[in-house]
Amino acid sequence: MKNIIIIVLLWSFNVIGFSQWFEQEPKIYSVIYKSITFTNNSNGTIVGTNGIILRSTNAGESWDSLHYPINSDLEKVFFIDDANGWIAGDSGLILKTTNGGLDWTSLTTNFNEKIFSVFFESNTFGWVAGKNIIYKTTDGGINWLEKKRDNNWYYDLYFADQNNGWVVGDSAAFGIILRTTDGGDSWSKIYETYFGYLSSINFTSQNIAYAAGENSILAKTTDGGLTWLDNVVISQGDYDWQDSYFIDDNMGWLVDLFGAVVKTSDGGLTWTEQNPRFLTTGGLYSVFFSDSLNGWAVGAGEYPNLYGRIIRTTNGGVTGIEDETQIPVDYFLFQNYPNPFNPSTTIKFALPVRTNLTINVYNTLGEKISEIFKGEMETGYHEVQFNALGLSSGIYFYKIESENFNSTKKMILMK
């Protein structure tokens, strides 16, 4: 049997998780917050369903509703500078502000498809992408030119300049990345994955970018978007990434359709789960960090009723140990970290009651190769260390079994 170290800890759980993320007001019922951005250290904007627009002028300490008189769902907010910004949403809806988001004006468009993303390279050159379409403007949004129409859904896009751009999306359940070198007049497919759709693209520098999406897929480029490789598939099938935000080439966060937040500090080689994926807490759709410490994620809370949800961190989401009396409300097996790992990794799990359990490791053939723990553990949040010193590189599975709970997750040993 491998060398095993058992560590029993009660981990810090704030309102929403085991790390330093906490919920903020307002929790507006019957809406979902879909996108968040800041133009400077003070001014931020959130948009969502039913025409909701929230604005902060105090670095996100509080948010005020602008009560814009529409009921359409708003999907994306984007600012080119402190003053000029755009919002995109249902039925070809595009709004524009020239005073930092205090007032918004509806622009006339010649299409009615749902728009998922908007990006402006300057105050005049911009693009929108959505259900089956990509459109371009050269006059700040007064007029729009159709550049692509097909059966694909395009969820996010980015332009490095007026000519070079990328869009990610869904093509018959395949995730795709398209590239243009002529301002969107023509597009070529440069990446495709069978894991599922891609929902987010994030350039951190001229050469490095990430594209994230369904079923834990994360693709990375290091040559300025010419070629893309699967960088890390974090617990394949466990996460459906909705958005990503990187503050530099190495440090970034991903948010998940079921509420997870994960962070990397080494360019995606390893990840730490900061907020766990609970199917009953609602999803997160957008994330933004103003620096390495201050960040926000927005989405939906589901219980007891659907409401717009804001979570915030002021320390980068770093896990702490503050409240050692919090009792878990349910069983949960967390993703191991780091993952991939060499040779040791940490496995965390939550027990709402005292439990007899076993934790075993299996290879891809289903053969048990290690028994990590067998016995009784008290209520709380626990950790065990697994050392794979004598194993070869590859995919392994760790499984927790008890009378009332069974769960399995994948981990990757990379030597």
Foldseek 3Di string as FASTA:
>chain_A
DFDWDWFFAFACDDPFARWFKDWDDDWAFPKKWAEKDAQAQAWIWIFTAQGWIWITRGNPPDIDTLPDPGGWTWAYKDAPHQAWIWIFFAQGWIWITRGRPNDIDTEDADTTHTWQEKDAQDQAWIWTFAQQFIWIGRGNRNYIHTQTGDRWGWHYKDAPHQAWIWIWTFDPFKTWIWITRGNRNDIDTADIGNLGGWHEKADQDQAWIWIFFQQQFIWMTRGRPNHIDGLDRAFGRPFGWQYKDANHQFWIWTWGQQGWIWITRGNRNWIDILGFRDNQAGGWHYKDAPDQFWIKTWTWGPPPHITTIIMIGRGNSGIDHDDRPDFDPDKDKGGWPGFQDPFKIKTKIFDNAWFFKWKFKADPVRDTDDTRDGGIDGGRMTMMMDGRNPDDWDKMKMWMDTPVDIDITIGTHDD
